Amino acid sequence: MPIPDTIAFIGGGNMARSLIAGLIAGGMPAASIRVAEPVALSREALQRDFGIEVMADNAAAVAGATTWVLAAKPQVLREVCEALSAQAQRQRPLLVSIAAGITTLQLDRWLGGGAAIVRAMPNLPALLGAGISALFANAPVDAAGRQRAGRLLAAAGHTVWLADEAQMDAVTAVSGSGPAYVFLLAESMLEAARSQGLPAEVAQVLVLQTILGAARMLTEENATPAELRNRVTSPGGTTQAAIEAFQAGGFECLVADAVQAATQRSRQLSLAND
């Protein structure tokens, strides 16, 4: 279903590209999307791939747009917002930020106050339309704004809404960074498979299809992860031996520590860019 407004993206990186691709695939006219991107080669690629209007100037991109997507890096977002604050006050757009660690309070302050802001945390599988995005809306966002933001992020996959913005740091650690944890597991499994004598091409197929199949079972079967694990773990069998080795190495604690480290880093990004 098309989104009945004009959307301006500030930043044209991978996540912006995934959202743009999803919007256009969902029926939004390319003429309704603009992107401000400082890198000329990236602008050329966006225009070539999607037929959208691209430019280097942020102010020109957001002029008249009813939704602004803040897709710039967190380190430069304060400068970007402060430069656009007068326009934000005049136009009163819906602002959707996908910058990790930057709060709605910070964005509102940089934009001059009273801004309707939805903070979102998508993840890398959005590039395939298979992402998950958590969203939080500040008080000025009305029901129509929530619907617009939800449809925008749904262009890249599933969405969930948070009632407490403080939970966004944990979301960043779990789903924002989470694909890298799976990729690390795949790397380790591939190396282990090769060390056991499997040819590289065979190991590749076995590991990737195993992860894909397990992910499908997690999402399609009416069972918890623990129940699924128990199905394949026969007492005294090979899987039990492997699970016991994982647990002896502190697997669960390592995962908890990793998520805690990423959560803390998300908080630090907010402080570092204030």
C-alpha atoms as a PDB file:
ATOM      1  CA  MET A   1       0.000   0.000   0.000  1.00  0.00           C
ATOM      2  CA  PRO A   2       1.541   3.346  -1.024  1.00  0.00           C
ATOM      3  CA  ILE A   3       2.376   5.875   1.657  1.00  0.00           C
ATOM      4  CA  PRO A   4       0.503   9.096   0.750  1.00  0.00           C
ATOM      5  CA  ASP A   5       3.292  11.615   1.383  1.00  0.00           C
ATOM      6  CA  THR A   6       6.741  12.695   0.273  1.00  0.00           C
ATOM      7  CA  ILE A   7       9.659  11.073   2.068  1.00  0.00           C
ATOM      8  CA  ALA A   8      13.109  12.638   2.297  1.00  0.00           C
ATOM      9  CA  PHE A   9      16.047  10.499   3.388  1.00  0.00           C
ATOM     10  CA  ILE A  10      19.043  12.190   4.958  1.00  0.00           C
ATOM     11  CA  GLY A  11      21.727   9.661   4.131  1.00  0.00           C
ATOM     12  CA  GLY A  12      21.633   7.022   1.424  1.00  0.00           C
ATOM     13  CA  GLY A  13      23.471   4.082   2.990  1.00  0.00           C
ATOM     14  CA  ASN A  14      22.510   0.413   3.045  1.00  0.00           C
ATOM     15  CA  MET A  15      19.576   0.763   5.427  1.00  0.00           C
ATOM     16  CA  ALA A  16      18.134   3.686   3.502  1.00  0.00           C
ATOM     17  CA  ARG A  17      18.508   1.691   0.292  1.00  0.00           C
ATOM     18  CA  SER A  18      16.645  -1.256   1.777  1.00  0.00           C
ATOM     19  CA  LEU A  19      13.762   0.951   2.889  1.00  0.00           C
ATOM     20  CA  ILE A  20      13.603   2.698  -0.483  1.00  0.00           C
ATOM     21  CA  ALA A  21      13.583  -0.635  -2.313  1.00  0.00           C
ATOM     22  CA  GLY A  22      10.771  -1.900  -0.102  1.00  0.00           C
ATOM     23  CA  LEU A  23       8.710   1.265  -0.503  1.00  0.00           C
ATOM     24  CA  ILE A  24       8.977   1.197  -4.282  1.00  0.00           C
ATOM     25  CA  ALA A  25       8.236  -2.544  -4.404  1.00  0.00           C
ATOM     26  CA  GLY A  26       5.161  -1.804  -2.272  1.00  0.00           C
ATOM     27  CA  GLY A  27       3.846   0.721  -4.786  1.00  0.00           C
ATOM     28  CA  MET A  28       5.202   4.092  -3.672  1.00  0.00           C
ATOM     29  CA  PRO A  29       6.084   6.261  -6.689  1.00  0.00           C
ATOM     30  CA  ALA A  30       9.776   6.986  -7.099  1.00  0.00           C
ATOM     31  CA  ALA A  31       8.815  10.637  -7.566  1.00  0.00           C
ATOM     32  CA  SER A  32       7.675  10.724  -3.931  1.00  0.00           C
ATOM     33  CA  ILE A  33      11.148   9.848  -2.580  1.00  0.00           C
ATOM     34  CA  ARG A  34      14.186  12.108  -2.294  1.00  0.00           C
ATOM     35  CA  VAL A  35      17.608  11.364  -0.866  1.00  0.00           C
ATOM     36  CA  ALA A  36      20.350  13.683   0.351  1.00  0.00           C
ATOM     37  CA  GLU A  37      23.670  11.849   0.162  1.00  0.00           C
ATOM     38  CA  PRO A  38      27.125  13.472   0.300  1.00  0.00           C
ATOM     39  CA  VAL A  39      28.950  10.801  -1.738  1.00  0.00           C
ATOM     40  CA  ALA A  40      28.562  11.316  -5.483  1.00  0.00           C
ATOM     41  CA  LEU A  41      28.969   7.640  -6.402  1.00  0.00           C
ATOM     42  CA  SER A  42      26.250   6.695  -3.907  1.00  0.00           C
ATOM     43  CA  ARG A  43      23.932   9.345  -5.353  1.00  0.00           C
ATOM     44  CA  GLU A  44      24.498   7.988  -8.843  1.00  0.00           C
ATOM     45  CA  ALA A  45      23.760   4.435  -7.708  1.00  0.00           C
ATOM     46  CA  LEU A  46      20.539   5.459  -5.949  1.00  0.00           C
ATOM     47  CA  GLN A  47      19.299   7.372  -8.983  1.00  0.00           C
ATOM     48  CA  ARG A  48      20.245   4.548 -11.338  1.00  0.00           C
ATOM     49  CA  ASP A  49      18.764   1.746  -9.220  1.00  0.00           C
ATOM     50  CA  PHE A  50      15.531   3.407  -8.095  1.00  0.00           C
ATOM     51  CA  GLY A  51      14.878   6.399 -10.363  1.00  0.00           C
ATOM     52  CA  ILE A  52      14.513   8.706  -7.364  1.00  0.00           C
ATOM     53  CA  GLU A  53      15.619  12.303  -6.968  1.00  0.00           C
ATOM     54  CA  VAL A  54      19.031  12.585  -5.296  1.00  0.00           C
ATOM     55  CA  MET A  55      21.046  15.582  -4.184  1.00  0.00           C
ATOM     56  CA  ALA A  56      23.931  16.593  -1.973  1.00  0.00           C
ATOM     57  CA  ASP A  57      22.062  19.290  -0.028  1.00  0.00           C
ATOM     58  CA  ASN A  58      20.019  18.201   3.006  1.00  0.00           C
ATOM     59  CA  ALA A  59      17.879  21.338   3.096  1.00  0.00           C
ATOM     60  CA  ALA A  60      16.855  20.912  -0.536  1.00  0.00           C
ATOM     61  CA  ALA A  61      15.955  17.270   0.012  1.00  0.00           C
ATOM     62  CA  VAL A  62      13.601  17.925   2.946  1.00  0.00           C
ATOM     63  CA  ALA A  63      11.917  21.004   1.457  1.00  0.00           C
ATOM     64  CA  GLY A  64       8.174  20.263   1.423  1.00  0.00           C
ATOM     65  CA  ALA A  65       8.623  16.637   2.532  1.00  0.00           C
ATOM     66  CA  THR A  66       6.102  15.420   5.107  1.00  0.00           C
ATOM     67  CA  THR A  67       8.339  12.612   6.411  1.00  0.00           C
ATOM     68  CA  TRP A  68      12.057  12.923   7.044  1.00  0.00           C
ATOM     69  CA  VAL A  69      14.108   9.762   7.565  1.00  0.00           C
ATOM     70  CA  LEU A  70      17.275  10.521   9.511  1.00  0.00           C
ATOM     71  CA  ALA A  71      19.656   7.882   8.166  1.00  0.00           C
ATOM     72  CA  ALA A  72      22.938   9.726   8.721  1.00  0.00           C
ATOM     73  CA  LYS A  73      25.640   8.324  10.996  1.00  0.00           C
ATOM     74  CA  PRO A  74      25.095   9.023  14.722  1.00  0.00           C
ATOM     75  CA  GLN A  75      28.356  10.964  14.895  1.00  0.00           C
ATOM     76  CA  VAL A  76      27.093  13.655  12.490  1.00  0.00           C
ATOM     77  CA  LEU A  77      23.402  13.663  13.358  1.00  0.00           C
ATOM     78  CA  ARG A  78      23.540  16.583  15.789  1.00  0.00           C
ATOM     79  CA  GLU A  79      25.131  18.815  13.168  1.00  0.00           C
ATOM     80  CA  VAL A  80      22.602  17.667  10.574  1.00  0.00           C
ATOM     81  CA  CYS A  81      19.601  18.292  12.819  1.00  0.00           C
ATOM     82  CA  GLU A  82      20.740  21.680  14.063  1.00  0.00           C
ATOM     83  CA  ALA A  83      21.274  22.834  10.477  1.00  0.00           C
ATOM     84  CA  LEU A  84      17.702  21.734   9.610  1.00  0.00           C
ATOM     85  CA  SER A  85      16.014  22.948  12.811  1.00  0.00           C
ATOM     86  CA  ALA A  86      14.486  26.083  11.265  1.00  0.00           C
ATOM     87  CA  GLN A  87      12.962  24.008   8.447  1.00  0.00           C
ATOM     88  CA  ALA A  88      11.716  21.440  10.930  1.00  0.00           C
ATOM     89  CA  GLN A  89       9.966  24.160  12.906  1.00  0.00           C
ATOM     90  CA  ARG A  90       8.319  25.572   9.761  1.00  0.00           C
ATOM     91  CA  GLN A  91       7.315  22.284   8.124  1.00  0.00           C
ATOM     92  CA  ARG A  92       6.545  20.162  11.211  1.00  0.00           C
ATOM     93  CA  PRO A  93       7.297  16.853   9.470  1.00  0.00           C
ATOM     94  CA  LEU A  94       7.173  13.385  10.940  1.00  0.00           C
ATOM     95  CA  LEU A  95      10.786  12.478  11.707  1.00  0.00           C
ATOM     96  CA  VAL A  96      11.908   8.856  11.641  1.00  0.00           C
ATOM     97  CA  SER A  97      15.407   8.227  12.966  1.00  0.00           C
ATOM     98  CA  ILE A  98      17.312   5.001  12.358  1.00  0.00           C
ATOM     99  CA  ALA A  99      20.490   6.244  14.062  1.00  0.00           C
ATOM    100  CA  ALA A 100      21.722   3.868  16.776  1.00  0.00           C
ATOM    101  CA  GLY A 101      22.001   5.291  20.273  1.00  0.00           C
ATOM    102  CA  ILE A 102      20.450   8.697  19.584  1.00  0.00           C
ATOM    103  CA  THR A 103      17.357   9.396  21.710  1.00  0.00           C
ATOM    104  CA  THR A 104      14.187  11.230  20.787  1.00  0.00           C
ATOM    105  CA  LEU A 105      14.976  13.789  23.507  1.00  0.00           C
ATOM    106  CA  GLN A 106      18.314  14.562  21.886  1.00  0.00           C
ATOM    107  CA  LEU A 107      16.776  14.805  18.425  1.00  0.00           C
ATOM    108  CA  ASP A 108      13.975  17.038  19.678  1.00  0.00           C
ATOM    109  CA  ARG A 109      16.445  19.381  21.355  1.00  0.00           C
ATOM    110  CA  TRP A 110      18.636  19.596  18.251  1.00  0.00           C
ATOM    111  CA  LEU A 111      15.567  20.268  16.070  1.00  0.00           C
ATOM    112  CA  GLY A 112      14.265  23.134  18.222  1.00  0.00           C
ATOM    113  CA  GLY A 113      11.560  21.355  20.242  1.00  0.00           C
ATOM    114  CA  GLY A 114       8.061  20.046  19.685  1.00  0.00           C
ATOM    115  CA  ALA A 115       9.092  17.591  16.947  1.00  0.00           C
ATOM    116  CA  ALA A 116       7.107  14.440  16.198  1.00  0.00           C
ATOM    117  CA  ILE A 117       9.791  11.755  16.249  1.00  0.00           C
ATOM    118  CA  VAL A 118       9.746   8.002  15.793  1.00  0.00           C
ATOM    119  CA  ARG A 119      12.979   6.283  16.716  1.00  0.00           C
ATOM    120  CA  ALA A 120      13.524   3.014  14.889  1.00  0.00           C
ATOM    121  CA  MET A 121      16.125   0.268  15.009  1.00  0.00           C
ATOM    122  CA  PRO A 122      16.069  -1.920  11.888  1.00  0.00           C
ATOM    123  CA  ASN A 123      18.647  -4.626  11.234  1.00  0.00           C
ATOM    124  CA  LEU A 124      20.737  -5.859   8.318  1.00  0.00           C
ATOM    125  CA  PRO A 125      18.298  -8.481   6.931  1.00  0.00           C
ATOM    126  CA  ALA A 126      16.164  -5.479   5.967  1.00  0.00           C
ATOM    127  CA  LEU A 127      18.322  -5.534   2.834  1.00  0.00           C
ATOM    128  CA  LEU A 128      16.394  -8.679   1.856  1.00  0.00           C
ATOM    129  CA  GLY A 129      13.027  -7.469   3.167  1.00  0.00           C
ATOM    130  CA  ALA A 130      13.491  -9.916   6.046  1.00  0.00           C
ATOM    131  CA  GLY A 131      14.425  -7.479   8.805  1.00  0.00           C
ATOM    132  CA  ILE A 132      12.887  -6.634  12.137  1.00  0.00           C
ATOM    133  CA  SER A 133      12.492  -3.045  13.344  1.00  0.00           C
ATOM    134  CA  ALA A 134      11.607  -1.845  16.829  1.00  0.00           C
ATOM    135  CA  LEU A 135       9.922   1.558  16.974  1.00  0.00           C
ATOM    136  CA  PHE A 136       9.275   4.137  19.705  1.00  0.00           C
ATOM    137  CA  ALA A 137       7.162   7.261  19.237  1.00  0.00           C
ATOM    138  CA  ASN A 138       7.475  10.385  21.365  1.00  0.00           C
ATOM    139  CA  ALA A 139       4.415  12.237  22.640  1.00  0.00           C
ATOM    140  CA  PRO A 140       3.860  14.578  19.642  1.00  0.00           C
ATOM    141  CA  VAL A 141       3.439  11.608  17.266  1.00  0.00           C
ATOM    142  CA  ASP A 142      -0.269  11.044  16.655  1.00  0.00           C
ATOM    143  CA  ALA A 143      -2.006   7.879  15.508  1.00  0.00           C
ATOM    144  CA  ALA A 144      -1.604   8.809  11.849  1.00  0.00           C
ATOM    145  CA  GLY A 145       2.108   9.407  12.374  1.00  0.00           C
ATOM    146  CA  ARG A 146       2.539   6.031  14.037  1.00  0.00           C
ATOM    147  CA  GLN A 147       0.750   4.407  11.109  1.00  0.00           C
ATOM    148  CA  ARG A 148       2.959   6.186   8.562  1.00  0.00           C
ATOM    149  CA  ALA A 149       6.139   5.239  10.407  1.00  0.00           C
ATOM    150  CA  GLY A 150       4.975   1.665  10.818  1.00  0.00           C
ATOM    151  CA  ARG A 151       4.253   1.302   7.112  1.00  0.00           C
ATOM    152  CA  LEU A 152       7.606   2.830   6.222  1.00  0.00           C
ATOM    153  CA  LEU A 153       9.599   0.392   8.363  1.00  0.00           C
ATOM    154  CA  ALA A 154       7.366  -2.518   7.337  1.00  0.00           C
ATOM    155  CA  ALA A 155       8.808  -2.043   3.846  1.00  0.00           C
ATOM    156  CA  ALA A 156      11.914  -3.806   5.176  1.00  0.00           C
ATOM    157  CA  GLY A 157      10.291  -6.552   7.267  1.00  0.00           C
ATOM    158  CA  HIS A 158       8.462  -6.992  10.558  1.00  0.00           C
ATOM    159  CA  THR A 159       7.919  -4.235  13.120  1.00  0.00           C
ATOM    160  CA  VAL A 160       7.326  -4.081  16.863  1.00  0.00           C
ATOM    161  CA  TRP A 161       6.456  -1.033  18.967  1.00  0.00           C
ATOM    162  CA  LEU A 162       8.070  -0.204  22.301  1.00  0.00           C
ATOM    163  CA  ALA A 163       6.324   1.686  25.107  1.00  0.00           C
ATOM    164  CA  ASP A 164       9.611   2.570  26.833  1.00  0.00           C
ATOM    165  CA  GLU A 165      12.425   4.166  24.858  1.00  0.00           C
ATOM    166  CA  ALA A 166      14.973   2.934  27.414  1.00  0.00           C
ATOM    167  CA  GLN A 167      14.454  -0.555  25.947  1.00  0.00           C
ATOM    168  CA  MET A 168      15.908   0.578  22.618  1.00  0.00           C
ATOM    169  CA  ASP A 169      19.478  -0.005  23.778  1.00  0.00           C
ATOM    170  CA  ALA A 170      18.659  -3.668  24.434  1.00  0.00           C
ATOM    171  CA  VAL A 171      16.902  -3.890  21.058  1.00  0.00           C
ATOM    172  CA  THR A 172      20.048  -2.547  19.416  1.00  0.00           C
ATOM    173  CA  ALA A 173      22.089  -5.234  21.173  1.00  0.00           C
ATOM    174  CA  VAL A 174      19.716  -8.113  20.413  1.00  0.00           C
ATOM    175  CA  SER A 175      18.366  -7.518  16.905  1.00  0.00           C
ATOM    176  CA  GLY A 176      20.424  -4.613  15.579  1.00  0.00           C
ATOM    177  CA  SER A 177      23.738  -6.358  16.269  1.00  0.00           C
ATOM    178  CA  GLY A 178      22.260  -9.866  16.352  1.00  0.00           C
ATOM    179  CA  PRO A 179      22.865 -10.858  12.719  1.00  0.00           C
ATOM    180  CA  ALA A 180      26.605 -10.531  13.346  1.00  0.00           C
ATOM    181  CA  TYR A 181      26.331 -13.086  16.147  1.00  0.00           C
ATOM    182  CA  VAL A 182      24.810 -15.581  13.728  1.00  0.00           C
ATOM    183  CA  PHE A 183      27.478 -14.777  11.134  1.00  0.00           C
ATOM    184  CA  LEU A 184      30.178 -15.407  13.753  1.00  0.00           C
ATOM    185  CA  LEU A 185      28.585 -18.762  14.603  1.00  0.00           C
ATOM    186  CA  ALA A 186      28.554 -19.630  10.888  1.00  0.00           C
ATOM    187  CA  GLU A 187      32.230 -18.695  10.582  1.00  0.00           C
ATOM    188  CA  SER A 188      33.110 -20.894  13.539  1.00  0.00           C
ATOM    189  CA  MET A 189      31.055 -23.831  12.274  1.00  0.00           C
ATOM    190  CA  LEU A 190      32.681 -23.583   8.825  1.00  0.00           C
ATOM    191  CA  GLU A 191      36.151 -23.584  10.319  1.00  0.00           C
ATOM    192  CA  ALA A 192      35.301 -26.523  12.575  1.00  0.00           C
ATOM    193  CA  ALA A 193      33.808 -28.468   9.655  1.00  0.00           C
ATOM    194  CA  ARG A 194      36.950 -27.962   7.576  1.00  0.00           C
ATOM    195  CA  SER A 195      39.137 -28.982  10.510  1.00  0.00           C
ATOM    196  CA  GLN A 196      37.224 -32.276  10.622  1.00  0.00           C
ATOM    197  CA  GLY A 197      38.183 -32.947   7.015  1.00  0.00           C
ATOM    198  CA  LEU A 198      35.105 -31.784   5.109  1.00  0.00           C
ATOM    199  CA  PRO A 199      35.784 -30.074   1.763  1.00  0.00           C
ATOM    200  CA  ALA A 200      35.205 -26.312   1.909  1.00  0.00           C
ATOM    201  CA  GLU A 201      32.327 -26.371  -0.592  1.00  0.00           C
ATOM    202  CA  VAL A 202      30.572 -29.174   1.266  1.00  0.00           C
ATOM    203  CA  ALA A 203      31.055 -27.431   4.611  1.00  0.00           C
ATOM    204  CA  GLN A 204      29.606 -24.242   3.142  1.00  0.00           C
ATOM    205  CA  VAL A 205      26.390 -25.903   1.996  1.00  0.00           C
ATOM    206  CA  LEU A 206      25.979 -27.920   5.184  1.00  0.00           C
ATOM    207  CA  VAL A 207      26.461 -24.959   7.538  1.00  0.00           C
ATOM    208  CA  LEU A 208      24.391 -22.392   5.663  1.00  0.00           C
ATOM    209  CA  GLN A 209      21.468 -24.721   5.017  1.00  0.00           C
ATOM    210  CA  THR A 210      21.551 -25.898   8.629  1.00  0.00           C
ATOM    211  CA  ILE A 211      21.300 -22.312   9.886  1.00  0.00           C
ATOM    212  CA  LEU A 212      18.566 -21.491   7.370  1.00  0.00           C
ATOM    213  CA  GLY A 213      16.577 -24.593   8.293  1.00  0.00           C
ATOM    214  CA  ALA A 214      16.940 -23.962  12.012  1.00  0.00           C
ATOM    215  CA  ALA A 215      15.803 -20.350  11.556  1.00  0.00           C
ATOM    216  CA  ARG A 216      12.740 -21.509   9.652  1.00  0.00           C
ATOM    217  CA  MET A 217      11.862 -23.990  12.370  1.00  0.00           C
ATOM    218  CA  LEU A 218      12.195 -21.269  15.006  1.00  0.00           C
ATOM    219  CA  THR A 219       9.777 -19.006  13.123  1.00  0.00           C
ATOM    220  CA  GLU A 220       7.395 -21.579  11.649  1.00  0.00           C
ATOM    221  CA  GLU A 221       7.091 -24.277  14.307  1.00  0.00           C
ATOM    222  CA  ASN A 222       4.810 -23.751  17.284  1.00  0.00           C
ATOM    223  CA  ALA A 223       7.584 -24.547  19.766  1.00  0.00           C
ATOM    224  CA  THR A 224      10.080 -22.715  21.946  1.00  0.00           C
ATOM    225  CA  PRO A 225      13.821 -22.782  21.179  1.00  0.00           C
ATOM    226  CA  ALA A 226      14.349 -25.058  24.174  1.00  0.00           C
ATOM    227  CA  GLU A 227      11.706 -27.504  22.903  1.00  0.00           C
ATOM    228  CA  LEU A 228      13.273 -27.579  19.449  1.00  0.00           C
ATOM    229  CA  ARG A 229      16.716 -28.145  20.937  1.00  0.00           C
ATOM    230  CA  ASN A 230      15.391 -31.040  23.006  1.00  0.00           C
ATOM    231  CA  ARG A 231      13.896 -32.670  19.902  1.00  0.00           C
ATOM    232  CA  VAL A 232      17.317 -33.052  18.317  1.00  0.00           C
ATOM    233  CA  THR A 233      19.254 -33.808  21.518  1.00  0.00           C
ATOM    234  CA  SER A 234      19.056 -37.517  22.198  1.00  0.00           C
ATOM    235  CA  PRO A 235      20.382 -38.632  25.613  1.00  0.00           C
ATOM    236  CA  GLY A 236      23.969 -39.783  25.243  1.00  0.00           C
ATOM    237  CA  GLY A 237      24.042 -38.831  21.561  1.00  0.00           C
ATOM    238  CA  THR A 238      26.249 -36.628  19.422  1.00  0.00           C
ATOM    239  CA  THR A 239      24.182 -33.479  19.913  1.00  0.00           C
ATOM    240  CA  GLN A 240      24.256 -33.830  23.681  1.00  0.00           C
ATOM    241  CA  ALA A 241      28.041 -34.111  23.538  1.00  0.00           C
ATOM    242  CA  ALA A 242      28.236 -30.895  21.538  1.00  0.00           C
ATOM    243  CA  ILE A 243      25.777 -29.022  23.789  1.00  0.00           C
ATOM    244  CA  GLU A 244      27.699 -30.069  26.880  1.00  0.00           C
ATOM    245  CA  ALA A 245      30.910 -28.765  25.297  1.00  0.00           C
ATOM    246  CA  PHE A 246      29.205 -25.433  24.573  1.00  0.00           C
ATOM    247  CA  GLN A 247      27.922 -25.167  28.132  1.00  0.00           C
ATOM    248  CA  ALA A 248      31.235 -26.182  29.671  1.00  0.00           C
ATOM    249  CA  GLY A 249      32.770 -23.246  27.820  1.00  0.00           C
ATOM    250  CA  GLY A 250      30.204 -20.853  29.280  1.00  0.00           C
ATOM    251  CA  PHE A 251      28.179 -20.401  26.098  1.00  0.00           C
ATOM    252  CA  GLU A 252      25.108 -18.868  27.775  1.00  0.00           C
ATOM    253  CA  CYS A 253      27.238 -16.492  29.827  1.00  0.00           C
ATOM    254  CA  LEU A 254      29.175 -15.422  26.750  1.00  0.00           C
ATOM    255  CA  VAL A 255      25.944 -14.583  24.928  1.00  0.00           C
ATOM    256  CA  ALA A 256      24.660 -12.626  27.923  1.00  0.00           C
ATOM    257  CA  ASP A 257      27.957 -10.761  28.196  1.00  0.00           C
ATOM    258  CA  ALA A 258      27.942  -9.946  24.484  1.00  0.00           C
ATOM    259  CA  VAL A 259      24.419  -8.528  24.601  1.00  0.00           C
ATOM    260  CA  GLN A 260      25.299  -6.533  27.720  1.00  0.00           C
ATOM    261  CA  ALA A 261      28.399  -5.103  26.016  1.00  0.00           C
ATOM    262  CA  ALA A 262      26.398  -4.046  22.970  1.00  0.00           C
ATOM    263  CA  THR A 263      23.666  -2.528  25.157  1.00  0.00           C
ATOM    264  CA  GLN A 264      26.247  -0.512  27.074  1.00  0.00           C
ATOM    265  CA  ARG A 265      27.862   0.664  23.842  1.00  0.00           C
ATOM    266  CA  SER A 266      24.488   1.874  22.579  1.00  0.00           C
ATOM    267  CA  ARG A 267      24.131   3.980  25.723  1.00  0.00           C
ATOM    268  CA  GLN A 268      27.637   5.322  25.298  1.00  0.00           C
ATOM    269  CA  LEU A 269      26.852   6.400  21.709  1.00  0.00           C
ATOM    270  CA  SER A 270      24.041   8.559  23.036  1.00  0.00           C
ATOM    271  CA  LEU A 271      26.336  10.258  25.563  1.00  0.00           C
ATOM    272  CA  ALA A 272      29.209  10.634  23.102  1.00  0.00           C
ATOM    273  CA  ASN A 273      27.048  12.414  20.543  1.00  0.00           C
ATOM    274  CA  ASP A 274      25.110  14.689  22.893  1.00  0.00           C
END
